[in-house]
Structures are given as structure tokens and as C-alpha cells.
PDB file of N, CA and C in Angstrom:
ATOM      1  N   UNK A   1     102.721 105.170 122.204  1.00  0.00           N
ATOM      2  CA  UNK A   1     101.916 105.733 121.014  1.00  0.00           C
ATOM      3  C   UNK A   1     102.342 107.295 120.991  1.00  0.00           C
ATOM      4  N   UNK A   2     102.827 107.766 121.941  1.00  0.00           N
ATOM      5  CA  UNK A   2     103.303 109.333 121.925  1.00  0.00           C
ATOM      6  C   UNK A   2     102.379 110.242 122.348  1.00  0.00           C
ATOM      7  N   UNK A   3     102.308 111.400 122.297  1.00  0.00           N
ATOM      8  CA  UNK A   3     101.398 112.452 122.415  1.00  0.00           C
ATOM      9  C   UNK A   3     100.289 112.406 121.508  1.00  0.00           C
ATOM     10  N   UNK A   4      98.892 112.413 122.133  1.00  0.00           N
ATOM     11  CA  UNK A   4      97.879 112.514 121.226  1.00  0.00           C
ATOM     12  C   UNK A   4      97.222 113.890 121.265  1.00  0.00           C
ATOM     13  N   UNK A   5      96.810 114.402 120.150  1.00  0.00           N
ATOM     14  CA  UNK A   5      96.334 115.646 119.909  1.00  0.00           C
ATOM     15  C   UNK A   5      94.747 115.633 120.592  1.00  0.00           C
ATOM     16  N   UNK A   6      94.324 116.778 120.863  1.00  0.00           N
ATOM     17  CA  UNK A   6      92.877 117.037 121.388  1.00  0.00           C
ATOM     18  C   UNK A   6      91.856 116.770 120.408  1.00  0.00           C
ATOM     19  N   UNK A   7      91.009 115.876 120.570  1.00  0.00           N
ATOM     20  CA  UNK A   7      89.931 115.478 119.639  1.00  0.00           C
ATOM     21  C   UNK A   7      88.872 116.650 119.492  1.00  0.00           C
ATOM     22  N   UNK A   8      88.313 116.855 118.456  1.00  0.00           N
ATOM     23  CA  UNK A   8      87.573 118.010 118.157  1.00  0.00           C
ATOM     24  C   UNK A   8      86.060 117.324 117.719  1.00  0.00           C
ATOM     25  N   UNK A   9      84.920 117.800 118.176  1.00  0.00           N
ATOM     26  CA  UNK A   9      83.656 117.275 117.809  1.00  0.00           C
ATOM     27  C   UNK A   9      82.921 118.314 117.276  1.00  0.00           C
ATOM     28  N   UNK A  10      82.420 118.284 115.909  1.00  0.00           N
ATOM     29  CA  UNK A  10      81.626 119.276 115.438  1.00  0.00           C
ATOM     30  C   UNK A  10      80.343 118.544 114.780  1.00  0.00           C
ATOM     31  N   UNK A  11      79.466 119.426 114.484  1.00  0.00           N
ATOM     32  CA  UNK A  11      78.243 118.978 113.729  1.00  0.00           C
ATOM     33  C   UNK A  11      78.475 119.071 112.235  1.00  0.00           C
ATOM     34  N   UNK A  12      78.553 118.026 111.517  1.00  0.00           N
ATOM     35  CA  UNK A  12      78.995 118.050 110.042  1.00  0.00           C
ATOM     36  C   UNK A  12      77.999 119.061 109.236  1.00  0.00           C
ATOM     37  N   UNK A  13      76.754 119.103 109.727  1.00  0.00           N
ATOM     38  CA  UNK A  13      75.780 119.850 108.961  1.00  0.00           C
ATOM     39  C   UNK A  13      75.968 121.418 109.086  1.00  0.00           C
ATOM     40  N   UNK A  14      76.761 121.643 110.085  1.00  0.00           N
ATOM     41  CA  UNK A  14      77.002 123.146 110.281  1.00  0.00           C
ATOM     42  C   UNK A  14      78.274 123.596 109.532  1.00  0.00           C
ATOM     43  N   UNK A  15      78.905 122.753 108.830  1.00  0.00           N
ATOM     44  CA  UNK A  15      80.063 123.327 107.902  1.00  0.00           C
ATOM     45  C   UNK A  15      79.430 123.401 106.548  1.00  0.00           C
ATOM     46  N   UNK A  16      79.643 124.661 106.092  1.00  0.00           N
ATOM     47  CA  UNK A  16      79.078 124.995 104.670  1.00  0.00           C
ATOM     48  C   UNK A  16      79.678 124.208 103.634  1.00  0.00           C
ATOM     49  N   UNK A  17      78.892 123.665 102.781  1.00  0.00           N
ATOM     50  CA  UNK A  17      79.485 123.075 101.624  1.00  0.00           C
ATOM     51  C   UNK A  17      80.417 123.943 100.834  1.00  0.00           C
ATOM     52  N   UNK A  18      81.319 123.367 100.135  1.00  0.00           N
ATOM     53  CA  UNK A  18      82.258 124.059  99.413  1.00  0.00           C
ATOM     54  C   UNK A  18      81.570 124.459  97.970  1.00  0.00           C
ATOM     55  N   UNK A  19      81.849 125.655  97.587  1.00  0.00           N
ATOM     56  CA  UNK A  19      81.383 126.313  96.395  1.00  0.00           C
ATOM     57  C   UNK A  19      82.435 126.067  95.299  1.00  0.00           C
ATOM     58  N   UNK A  20      83.478 125.557  95.324  1.00  0.00           N
ATOM     59  CA  UNK A  20      84.533 125.375  94.606  1.00  0.00           C
ATOM     60  C   UNK A  20      84.127 124.253  93.611  1.00  0.00           C
ATOM     61  N   UNK A  21      84.224 124.638  92.318  1.00  0.00           N
ATOM     62  CA  UNK A  21      83.933 124.025  91.066  1.00  0.00           C
ATOM     63  C   UNK A  21      84.826 122.707  91.007  1.00  0.00           C
ATOM     64  N   UNK A  22      84.487 121.695  90.397  1.00  0.00           N
ATOM     65  CA  UNK A  22      85.269 120.403  90.421  1.00  0.00           C
ATOM     66  C   UNK A  22      86.197 120.693  89.130  1.00  0.00           C
ATOM     67  N   UNK A  23      87.469 120.235  89.190  1.00  0.00           N
ATOM     68  CA  UNK A  23      88.181 120.180  87.853  1.00  0.00           C
ATOM     69  C   UNK A  23      88.218 118.934  87.194  1.00  0.00           C
ATOM     70  N   UNK A  24      87.233 117.979  87.498  1.00  0.00           N
ATOM     71  CA  UNK A  24      87.221 116.829  86.774  1.00  0.00           C
ATOM     72  C   UNK A  24      86.968 116.922  85.237  1.00  0.00           C
ATOM     73  N   UNK A  25      87.677 116.105  84.404  1.00  0.00           N
ATOM     74  CA  UNK A  25      87.263 116.232  83.197  1.00  0.00           C
ATOM     75  C   UNK A  25      85.971 115.633  82.569  1.00  0.00           C
ATOM     76  N   UNK A  26      85.587 116.308  81.443  1.00  0.00           N
ATOM     77  CA  UNK A  26      84.326 115.618  80.974  1.00  0.00           C
ATOM     78  C   UNK A  26      84.580 114.185  80.391  1.00  0.00           C
ATOM     79  N   UNK A  27      83.549 113.088  80.691  1.00  0.00           N
ATOM     80  CA  UNK A  27      82.187 113.559  80.995  1.00  0.00           C
ATOM     81  C   UNK A  27      82.020 113.641  82.468  1.00  0.00           C
ATOM     82  N   UNK A  28      83.020 113.499  83.255  1.00  0.00           N
ATOM     83  CA  UNK A  28      82.782 113.428  84.825  1.00  0.00           C
ATOM     84  C   UNK A  28      82.262 114.782  85.285  1.00  0.00           C
ATOM     85  N   UNK A  29      82.932 115.878  84.824  1.00  0.00           N
ATOM     86  CA  UNK A  29      82.466 117.202  85.459  1.00  0.00           C
ATOM     87  C   UNK A  29      81.073 117.575  85.414  1.00  0.00           C
ATOM     88  N   UNK A  30      80.489 117.110  84.219  1.00  0.00           N
ATOM     89  CA  UNK A  30      78.921 117.584  84.223  1.00  0.00           C
ATOM     90  C   UNK A  30      78.189 116.568  85.076  1.00  0.00           C
ATOM     91  N   UNK A  31      78.728 115.383  85.404  1.00  0.00           N
ATOM     92  CA  UNK A  31      78.046 114.410  86.391  1.00  0.00           C
ATOM     93  C   UNK A  31      78.207 114.961  87.741  1.00  0.00           C
ATOM     94  N   UNK A  32      79.130 115.821  88.180  1.00  0.00           N
ATOM     95  CA  UNK A  32      79.206 116.311  89.436  1.00  0.00           C
ATOM     96  C   UNK A  32      78.925 117.590  89.799  1.00  0.00           C
ATOM     97  N   UNK A  33      78.057 118.207  89.060  1.00  0.00           N
ATOM     98  CA  UNK A  33      77.677 119.719  89.118  1.00  0.00           C
ATOM     99  C   UNK A  33      76.950 119.825  90.452  1.00  0.00           C
ATOM    100  N   UNK A  34      76.095 118.767  90.811  1.00  0.00           N
ATOM    101  CA  UNK A  34      75.382 118.957  92.036  1.00  0.00           C
ATOM    102  C   UNK A  34      75.931 118.491  93.227  1.00  0.00           C
ATOM    103  N   UNK A  35      77.122 118.064  93.210  1.00  0.00           N
ATOM    104  CA  UNK A  35      77.806 117.531  94.150  1.00  0.00           C
ATOM    105  C   UNK A  35      78.209 118.385  95.322  1.00  0.00           C
ATOM    106  N   UNK A  36      78.035 118.235  96.498  1.00  0.00           N
ATOM    107  CA  UNK A  36      78.487 119.135  97.521  1.00  0.00           C
ATOM    108  C   UNK A  36      79.517 118.474  98.397  1.00  0.00           C
ATOM    109  N   UNK A  37      80.473 119.269  98.795  1.00  0.00           N
ATOM    110  CA  UNK A  37      81.686 118.805  99.698  1.00  0.00           C
ATOM    111  C   UNK A  37      81.673 119.666 100.986  1.00  0.00           C
ATOM    112  N   UNK A  38      81.649 119.036 102.095  1.00  0.00           N
ATOM    113  CA  UNK A  38      81.809 119.858 103.354  1.00  0.00           C
ATOM    114  C   UNK A  38      83.131 119.518 103.851  1.00  0.00           C
ATOM    115  N   UNK A  39      84.126 120.342 103.838  1.00  0.00           N
ATOM    116  CA  UNK A  39      85.385 120.330 104.054  1.00  0.00           C
ATOM    117  C   UNK A  39      85.648 120.239 105.650  1.00  0.00           C
ATOM    118  N   UNK A  40      85.432 119.230 106.302  1.00  0.00           N
ATOM    119  CA  UNK A  40      85.338 119.101 107.714  1.00  0.00           C
ATOM    120  C   UNK A  40      86.718 118.745 108.206  1.00  0.00           C
ATOM    121  N   UNK A  41      87.701 118.272 107.416  1.00  0.00           N
ATOM    122  CA  UNK A  41      88.957 117.731 107.753  1.00  0.00           C
ATOM    123  C   UNK A  41      89.642 118.941 108.336  1.00  0.00           C
ATOM    124  N   UNK A  42      89.657 120.233 108.010  1.00  0.00           N
ATOM    125  CA  UNK A  42      90.285 121.415 108.726  1.00  0.00           C
ATOM    126  C   UNK A  42      90.008 121.657 110.085  1.00  0.00           C
ATOM    127  N   UNK A  43      88.808 121.230 110.389  1.00  0.00           N
ATOM    128  CA  UNK A  43      88.329 121.672 111.887  1.00  0.00           C
ATOM    129  C   UNK A  43      88.904 120.422 112.810  1.00  0.00           C
ATOM    130  N   UNK A  44      89.331 119.334 112.245  1.00  0.00           N
ATOM    131  CA  UNK A  44      89.573 118.193 113.051  1.00  0.00           C
ATOM    132  C   UNK A  44      91.273 118.025 112.810  1.00  0.00           C
ATOM    133  N   UNK A  45      91.965 118.672 112.353  1.00  0.00           N
ATOM    134  CA  UNK A  45      93.459 118.763 112.078  1.00  0.00           C
ATOM    135  C   UNK A  45      93.827 117.916 111.022  1.00  0.00           C
ATOM    136  N   UNK A  46      93.008 117.239 110.095  1.00  0.00           N
ATOM    137  CA  UNK A  46      93.434 116.231 109.191  1.00  0.00           C
ATOM    138  C   UNK A  46      94.207 117.034 108.108  1.00  0.00           C
ATOM    139  N   UNK A  47      95.232 116.376 107.461  1.00  0.00           N
ATOM    140  CA  UNK A  47      96.054 116.888 106.452  1.00  0.00           C
ATOM    141  C   UNK A  47      95.910 115.918 105.396  1.00  0.00           C
ATOM    142  N   UNK A  48      95.726 116.430 104.203  1.00  0.00           N
ATOM    143  CA  UNK A  48      95.674 115.665 102.897  1.00  0.00           C
ATOM    144  C   UNK A  48      94.553 114.751 102.996  1.00  0.00           C
ATOM    145  N   UNK A  49      93.500 115.119 103.834  1.00  0.00           N
ATOM    146  CA  UNK A  49      92.341 114.127 103.712  1.00  0.00           C
ATOM    147  C   UNK A  49      91.153 114.976 104.231  1.00  0.00           C
ATOM    148  N   UNK A  50      89.989 114.515 104.245  1.00  0.00           N
ATOM    149  CA  UNK A  50      88.847 115.074 104.800  1.00  0.00           C
ATOM    150  C   UNK A  50      87.748 113.970 105.100  1.00  0.00           C
ATOM    151  N   UNK A  51      86.769 114.559 106.018  1.00  0.00           N
ATOM    152  CA  UNK A  51      85.726 113.769 106.379  1.00  0.00           C
ATOM    153  C   UNK A  51      84.441 114.501 105.837  1.00  0.00           C
ATOM    154  N   UNK A  52      83.636 113.649 105.076  1.00  0.00           N
ATOM    155  CA  UNK A  52      82.418 114.051 104.495  1.00  0.00           C
ATOM    156  C   UNK A  52      81.284 113.284 104.996  1.00  0.00           C
ATOM    157  N   UNK A  53      80.145 113.810 105.277  1.00  0.00           N
ATOM    158  CA  UNK A  53      79.039 113.107 105.608  1.00  0.00           C
ATOM    159  C   UNK A  53      78.396 112.233 104.426  1.00  0.00           C
ATOM    160  N   UNK A  54      78.372 110.763 104.752  1.00  0.00           N
ATOM    161  CA  UNK A  54      78.022 110.125 103.430  1.00  0.00           C
ATOM    162  C   UNK A  54      76.517 110.230 103.052  1.00  0.00           C
ATOM    163  N   UNK A  55      76.189 110.129 101.769  1.00  0.00           N
ATOM    164  CA  UNK A  55      74.862 110.206 101.189  1.00  0.00           C
ATOM    165  C   UNK A  55      74.735 108.871 100.575  1.00  0.00           C
ATOM    166  N   UNK A  56      73.397 108.557 100.088  1.00  0.00           N
ATOM    167  CA  UNK A  56      73.231 107.192  99.483  1.00  0.00           C
ATOM    168  C   UNK A  56      74.069 107.329  98.195  1.00  0.00           C
ATOM    169  N   UNK A  57      74.574 105.943  97.816  1.00  0.00           N
ATOM    170  CA  UNK A  57      75.227 105.655  96.787  1.00  0.00           C
ATOM    171  C   UNK A  57      76.782 105.888  96.948  1.00  0.00           C
ATOM    172  N   UNK A  58      77.246 106.566  98.024  1.00  0.00           N
ATOM    173  CA  UNK A  58      78.506 106.936  98.263  1.00  0.00           C
ATOM    174  C   UNK A  58      79.382 105.730  99.158  1.00  0.00           C
ATOM    175  N   UNK A  59      80.565 105.767  98.993  1.00  0.00           N
ATOM    176  CA  UNK A  59      81.222 104.706  99.805  1.00  0.00           C
ATOM    177  C   UNK A  59      82.512 105.326 100.330  1.00  0.00           C
ATOM    178  N   UNK A  60      83.113 104.681 101.328  1.00  0.00           N
ATOM    179  CA  UNK A  60      84.318 105.209 102.013  1.00  0.00           C
ATOM    180  C   UNK A  60      85.370 104.017 102.174  1.00  0.00           C
ATOM    181  N   UNK A  61      86.549 104.170 102.136  1.00  0.00           N
ATOM    182  CA  UNK A  61      87.556 103.321 102.313  1.00  0.00           C
ATOM    183  C   UNK A  61      88.508 103.687 103.459  1.00  0.00           C
ATOM    184  N   UNK A  62      88.937 102.698 104.300  1.00  0.00           N
ATOM    185  CA  UNK A  62      89.774 102.912 105.361  1.00  0.00           C
ATOM    186  C   UNK A  62      91.045 101.944 105.263  1.00  0.00           C
ATOM    187  N   UNK A  63      92.060 102.518 105.055  1.00  0.00           N
ATOM    188  CA  UNK A  63      93.396 101.659 105.093  1.00  0.00           C
ATOM    189  C   UNK A  63      93.636 101.062 106.371  1.00  0.00           C
ATOM    190  N   UNK A  64      94.342 100.007 106.283  1.00  0.00           N
ATOM    191  CA  UNK A  64      94.877  99.279 107.572  1.00  0.00           C
ATOM    192  C   UNK A  64      95.885 100.079 108.188  1.00  0.00           C
ATOM    193  N   UNK A  65      95.967  99.981 109.639  1.00  0.00           N
ATOM    194  CA  UNK A  65      96.839 100.613 110.468  1.00  0.00           C
ATOM    195  C   UNK A  65      96.198 101.801 110.931  1.00  0.00           C
ATOM    196  N   UNK A  66      96.752 102.400 112.049  1.00  0.00           N
ATOM    197  CA  UNK A  66      96.400 103.581 112.637  1.00  0.00           C
ATOM    198  C   UNK A  66      95.315 103.154 113.540  1.00  0.00           C
ATOM    199  N   UNK A  67      94.530 104.402 114.019  1.00  0.00           N
ATOM    200  CA  UNK A  67      93.539 104.128 114.974  1.00  0.00           C
ATOM    201  C   UNK A  67      92.242 103.582 114.148  1.00  0.00           C
ATOM    202  N   UNK A  68      91.434 102.831 114.936  1.00  0.00           N
ATOM    203  CA  UNK A  68      90.321 102.177 114.376  1.00  0.00           C
ATOM    204  C   UNK A  68      89.155 103.409 113.918  1.00  0.00           C
ATOM    205  N   UNK A  69      88.330 103.085 113.146  1.00  0.00           N
ATOM    206  CA  UNK A  69      87.331 104.150 112.497  1.00  0.00           C
ATOM    207  C   UNK A  69      85.941 103.541 113.022  1.00  0.00           C
ATOM    208  N   UNK A  70      84.899 104.406 112.954  1.00  0.00           N
ATOM    209  CA  UNK A  70      83.633 103.884 113.106  1.00  0.00           C
ATOM    210  C   UNK A  70      82.844 104.606 112.325  1.00  0.00           C
ATOM    211  N   UNK A  71      81.487 104.176 111.999  1.00  0.00           N
ATOM    212  CA  UNK A  71      80.469 104.806 111.266  1.00  0.00           C
ATOM    213  C   UNK A  71      79.342 105.120 112.263  1.00  0.00           C
ATOM    214  N   UNK A  72      78.599 106.238 111.984  1.00  0.00           N
ATOM    215  CA  UNK A  72      77.513 106.627 112.905  1.00  0.00           C
ATOM    216  C   UNK A  72      76.403 107.068 111.971  1.00  0.00           C
ATOM    217  N   UNK A  73      75.380 106.409 112.349  1.00  0.00           N
ATOM    218  CA  UNK A  73      74.012 106.830 111.593  1.00  0.00           C
ATOM    219  C   UNK A  73      73.252 107.800 112.545  1.00  0.00           C
ATOM    220  N   UNK A  74      73.255 109.061 111.945  1.00  0.00           N
ATOM    221  CA  UNK A  74      72.545 110.098 112.607  1.00  0.00           C
ATOM    222  C   UNK A  74      71.035 110.237 111.945  1.00  0.00           C
ATOM    223  N   UNK A  75      70.367 109.205 111.372  1.00  0.00           N
ATOM    224  CA  UNK A  75      69.080 109.404 110.810  1.00  0.00           C
ATOM    225  C   UNK A  75      68.257 108.399 111.487  1.00  0.00           C
ATOM    226  N   UNK A  76      67.018 108.491 111.033  1.00  0.00           N
ATOM    227  CA  UNK A  76      65.968 107.354 111.420  1.00  0.00           C
ATOM    228  C   UNK A  76      65.898 106.195 110.616  1.00  0.00           C
ATOM    229  N   UNK A  77      66.566 106.256 109.435  1.00  0.00           N
ATOM    230  CA  UNK A  77      66.629 105.157 108.482  1.00  0.00           C
ATOM    231  C   UNK A  77      67.723 104.170 108.647  1.00  0.00           C
ATOM    232  N   UNK A  78      67.227 102.989 108.108  1.00  0.00           N
ATOM    233  CA  UNK A  78      68.284 101.685 108.379  1.00  0.00           C
ATOM    234  C   UNK A  78      69.388 102.125 107.441  1.00  0.00           C
ATOM    235  N   UNK A  79      70.600 101.651 107.888  1.00  0.00           N
ATOM    236  CA  UNK A  79      71.810 101.839 107.047  1.00  0.00           C
ATOM    237  C   UNK A  79      72.404 100.577 106.820  1.00  0.00           C
ATOM    238  N   UNK A  80      72.821 100.250 105.687  1.00  0.00           N
ATOM    239  CA  UNK A  80      73.384  98.971 105.297  1.00  0.00           C
ATOM    240  C   UNK A  80      74.900  99.449 104.974  1.00  0.00           C
ATOM    241  N   UNK A  81      75.819  98.734 105.239  1.00  0.00           N
ATOM    242  CA  UNK A  81      77.202  98.835 104.859  1.00  0.00           C
ATOM    243  C   UNK A  81      77.948  97.472 104.583  1.00  0.00           C
ATOM    244  N   UNK A  82      78.771  97.456 103.693  1.00  0.00           N
ATOM    245  CA  UNK A  82      79.529  96.449 103.231  1.00  0.00           C
ATOM    246  C   UNK A  82      80.893  96.506 103.796  1.00  0.00           C
ATOM    247  N   UNK A  83      81.324  95.523 104.486  1.00  0.00           N
ATOM    248  CA  UNK A  83      82.891  95.541 105.046  1.00  0.00           C
ATOM    249  C   UNK A  83      83.574  94.399 104.240  1.00  0.00           C
ATOM    250  N   UNK A  84      84.814  94.909 103.741  1.00  0.00           N
ATOM    251  CA  UNK A  84      85.564  94.127 102.842  1.00  0.00           C
ATOM    252  C   UNK A  84      86.977  94.043 103.564  1.00  0.00           C
ATOM    253  N   UNK A  85      87.342  92.819 103.644  1.00  0.00           N
ATOM    254  CA  UNK A  85      88.623  92.734 104.279  1.00  0.00           C
ATOM    255  C   UNK A  85      88.995  91.157 104.528  1.00  0.00           C
ATOM    256  N   UNK A  86      90.449  90.839 104.590  1.00  0.00           N
ATOM    257  CA  UNK A  86      90.573  89.394 104.747  1.00  0.00           C
ATOM    258  C   UNK A  86      90.742  88.971 106.107  1.00  0.00           C
ATOM    259  N   UNK A  87      91.032  89.732 107.081  1.00  0.00           N
ATOM    260  CA  UNK A  87      91.193  89.453 108.452  1.00  0.00           C
ATOM    261  C   UNK A  87      92.205  88.280 108.605  1.00  0.00           C
ATOM    262  N   UNK A  88      93.571  88.627 107.997  1.00  0.00           N
ATOM    263  CA  UNK A  88      94.563  87.560 108.073  1.00  0.00           C
ATOM    264  C   UNK A  88      95.255  87.487 109.476  1.00  0.00           C
ATOM    265  N   UNK A  89      95.712  86.239 109.693  1.00  0.00           N
ATOM    266  CA  UNK A  89      96.281  86.047 110.945  1.00  0.00           C
ATOM    267  C   UNK A  89      97.546  87.114 111.247  1.00  0.00           C
ATOM    268  N   UNK A  90      97.455  87.773 112.303  1.00  0.00           N
ATOM    269  CA  UNK A  90      98.228  88.784 112.816  1.00  0.00           C
ATOM    270  C   UNK A  90      97.711  90.230 112.501  1.00  0.00           C
ATOM    271  N   UNK A  91      96.571  90.350 111.840  1.00  0.00           N
ATOM    272  CA  UNK A  91      95.863  91.724 111.769  1.00  0.00           C
ATOM    273  C   UNK A  91      95.679  92.126 113.067  1.00  0.00           C
ATOM    274  N   UNK A  92      95.930  93.503 113.283  1.00  0.00           N
ATOM    275  CA  UNK A  92      95.698  94.259 114.572  1.00  0.00           C
ATOM    276  C   UNK A  92      94.767  95.369 114.393  1.00  0.00           C
ATOM    277  N   UNK A  93      93.903  95.644 115.489  1.00  0.00           N
ATOM    278  CA  UNK A  93      93.179  96.888 115.586  1.00  0.00           C
ATOM    279  C   UNK A  93      93.320  97.230 117.006  1.00  0.00           C
ATOM    280  N   UNK A  94      93.341  98.703 116.932  1.00  0.00           N
ATOM    281  CA  UNK A  94      93.610  99.459 118.227  1.00  0.00           C
ATOM    282  C   UNK A  94      92.474 100.610 118.376  1.00  0.00           C
ATOM    283  N   UNK A  95      91.686 100.496 119.518  1.00  0.00           N
ATOM    284  CA  UNK A  95      90.691 101.434 119.944  1.00  0.00           C
ATOM    285  C   UNK A  95      91.223 102.189 121.156  1.00  0.00           C
ATOM    286  N   UNK A  96      92.144 103.286 120.947  1.00  0.00           N
ATOM    287  CA  UNK A  96      92.833 103.776 122.176  1.00  0.00           C
ATOM    288  C   UNK A  96      91.920 104.348 123.012  1.00  0.00           C
ATOM    289  N   UNK A  97      90.695 104.955 122.587  1.00  0.00           N
ATOM    290  CA  UNK A  97      89.826 105.613 123.507  1.00  0.00           C
ATOM    291  C   UNK A  97      88.932 104.777 124.216  1.00  0.00           C
ATOM    292  N   UNK A  98      89.089 103.566 124.002  1.00  0.00           N
ATOM    293  CA  UNK A  98      88.187 102.355 124.732  1.00  0.00           C
ATOM    294  C   UNK A  98      88.913 101.326 125.432  1.00  0.00           C
ATOM    295  N   UNK A  99      90.300 101.594 125.470  1.00  0.00           N
ATOM    296  CA  UNK A  99      91.114 100.741 126.214  1.00  0.00           C
ATOM    297  C   UNK A  99      91.129  99.277 125.665  1.00  0.00           C
ATOM    298  N   UNK A 100      91.085  99.129 124.342  1.00  0.00           N
ATOM    299  CA  UNK A 100      90.889  97.948 123.637  1.00  0.00           C
ATOM    300  C   UNK A 100      91.838  97.823 122.479  1.00  0.00           C
ATOM    301  N   UNK A 101      92.372  96.825 122.377  1.00  0.00           N
ATOM    302  CA  UNK A 101      93.213  96.227 121.121  1.00  0.00           C
ATOM    303  C   UNK A 101      92.856  94.823 120.926  1.00  0.00           C
ATOM    304  N   UNK A 102      93.047  94.416 119.583  1.00  0.00           N
ATOM    305  CA  UNK A 102      92.703  93.105 119.079  1.00  0.00           C
ATOM    306  C   UNK A 102      93.637  92.618 118.130  1.00  0.00           C
ATOM    307  N   UNK A 103      94.035  91.345 118.097  1.00  0.00           N
ATOM    308  CA  UNK A 103      94.952  90.630 117.162  1.00  0.00           C
ATOM    309  C   UNK A 103      94.331  89.502 116.538  1.00  0.00           C
ATOM    310  N   UNK A 104      94.187  89.268 115.234  1.00  0.00           N
ATOM    311  CA  UNK A 104      93.552  87.928 114.741  1.00  0.00           C
ATOM    312  C   UNK A 104      94.449  86.837 115.008  1.00  0.00           C
ATOM    313  N   UNK A 105      94.049  86.020 115.685  1.00  0.00           N
ATOM    314  CA  UNK A 105      94.959  84.695 115.912  1.00  0.00           C
ATOM    315  C   UNK A 105      94.819  83.661 114.911  1.00  0.00           C
ATOM    316  N   UNK A 106      95.754  82.711 114.950  1.00  0.00           N
ATOM    317  CA  UNK A 106      95.915  81.745 113.922  1.00  0.00           C
ATOM    318  C   UNK A 106      94.620  80.885 113.813  1.00  0.00           C
ATOM    319  N   UNK A 107      93.691  80.761 114.818  1.00  0.00           N
ATOM    320  CA  UNK A 107      92.658  80.088 114.655  1.00  0.00           C
ATOM    321  C   UNK A 107      91.465  80.806 114.038  1.00  0.00           C
ATOM    322  N   UNK A 108      91.781  81.993 113.706  1.00  0.00           N
ATOM    323  CA  UNK A 108      90.768  82.831 112.998  1.00  0.00           C
ATOM    324  C   UNK A 108      89.716  83.667 113.931  1.00  0.00           C
ATOM    325  N   UNK A 109      90.145  83.822 115.177  1.00  0.00           N
ATOM    326  CA  UNK A 109      89.298  84.500 116.123  1.00  0.00           C
ATOM    327  C   UNK A 109      90.203  85.679 116.642  1.00  0.00           C
ATOM    328  N   UNK A 110      89.503  86.799 117.062  1.00  0.00           N
ATOM    329  CA  UNK A 110      90.141  87.901 117.478  1.00  0.00           C
ATOM    330  C   UNK A 110      90.618  87.726 118.969  1.00  0.00           C
ATOM    331  N   UNK A 111      91.846  88.020 119.194  1.00  0.00           N
ATOM    332  CA  UNK A 111      92.109  87.950 120.698  1.00  0.00           C
ATOM    333  C   UNK A 111      92.291  89.359 121.218  1.00  0.00           C
ATOM    334  N   UNK A 112      91.554  89.674 122.307  1.00  0.00           N
ATOM    335  CA  UNK A 112      91.342  91.113 122.977  1.00  0.00           C
ATOM    336  C   UNK A 112      92.329  91.298 124.060  1.00  0.00           C
ATOM    337  N   UNK A 113      92.670  92.413 124.080  1.00  0.00           N
ATOM    338  CA  UNK A 113      93.547  93.112 125.234  1.00  0.00           C
ATOM    339  C   UNK A 113      93.303  94.356 125.487  1.00  0.00           C
ATOM    340  N   UNK A 114      93.852  94.841 126.732  1.00  0.00           N
ATOM    341  CA  UNK A 114      93.884  96.284 127.131  1.00  0.00           C
ATOM    342  C   UNK A 114      94.962  96.976 126.232  1.00  0.00           C
ATOM    343  N   UNK A 115      95.022  98.202 126.134  1.00  0.00           N
ATOM    344  CA  UNK A 115      95.959  98.970 125.583  1.00  0.00           C
ATOM    345  C   UNK A 115      97.464  98.670 125.999  1.00  0.00           C
ATOM    346  N   UNK A 116      97.643  98.258 127.333  1.00  0.00           N
ATOM    347  CA  UNK A 116      98.724  98.016 127.887  1.00  0.00           C
ATOM    348  C   UNK A 116      99.078  96.571 127.486  1.00  0.00           C
ATOM    349  N   UNK A 117      98.424  95.649 126.816  1.00  0.00           N
ATOM    350  CA  UNK A 117      98.837  94.343 126.430  1.00  0.00           C
ATOM    351  C   UNK A 117      98.046  93.307 127.295  1.00  0.00           C
ATOM    352  N   UNK A 118      97.643  93.561 128.507  1.00  0.00           N
ATOM    353  CA  UNK A 118      97.045  92.609 129.386  1.00  0.00           C
ATOM    354  C   UNK A 118      95.705  91.964 128.777  1.00  0.00           C
ATOM    355  N   UNK A 119      95.477  90.882 128.728  1.00  0.00           N
ATOM    356  CA  UNK A 119      94.293  90.259 128.091  1.00  0.00           C
ATOM    357  C   UNK A 119      93.112  90.651 128.845  1.00  0.00           C
ATOM    358  N   UNK A 120      91.907  90.761 128.122  1.00  0.00           N
ATOM    359  CA  UNK A 120      90.626  90.789 128.871  1.00  0.00           C
ATOM    360  C   UNK A 120      90.227  89.517 129.266  1.00  0.00           C
TER     361      UNK A 120
END
């Protein structure tokens, strides 16, 4: 996998929301006047992307490939999320920080192994 960069942990609430106005065309611009963006991506080294604390009615999409992602609930409220994917034979996921990888087998079950490929 090559060299990994140092991971950075920050409290998302400590990053001040962006005051930059949206350049959305109407009628969308007026619908986003109360929107806040906390540009967390710069703290974590992300390029062309960003991390934003989710709020009710918002969604996030994660493309296949790369390291696995996870969602964290920092509230005392119940969170509901919808996962959409086909989990096709041969799909792979890698959790490098947990020494875990998985491949979807032909029988429709995940096959788990260590990062070096040895099975669990």
C-alpha cells in the first residue's frame, strides 16, 4: 500500500463555519442562505474534498475503492442510515487500521482476512 500519512483527529465543532456565500443559481441560492459549511478537509490533508458534520436531512456518498469509511454518532439521539450497494462477487473492502480485509465470495458471503492475506 505504500507510505501512509499521519492521521489527524480534530473536533469538528471547533472548526468555524465558512462565511463564504454560495454561488448557486436561483432558486437554489435563496434555499441555502442558512447553510453552514465547516471546511474540515484542510485539517486532514484532503484535496478536492471535505468532511462535514451531518445534520438531519443530509446525506453522504462514498465511492467504492480506497480505505473503508465509517459513521460516528456523537449525540444521544438515535441515528438511522440507509446503505445502498449491490455487494457483487469480488467486491473488496480494506480496514488497514484494524488489520482486516474482506472479499465478497460467489456464495454471497464476505470472506475475511488479515491485511497480509492470511484468513481469519
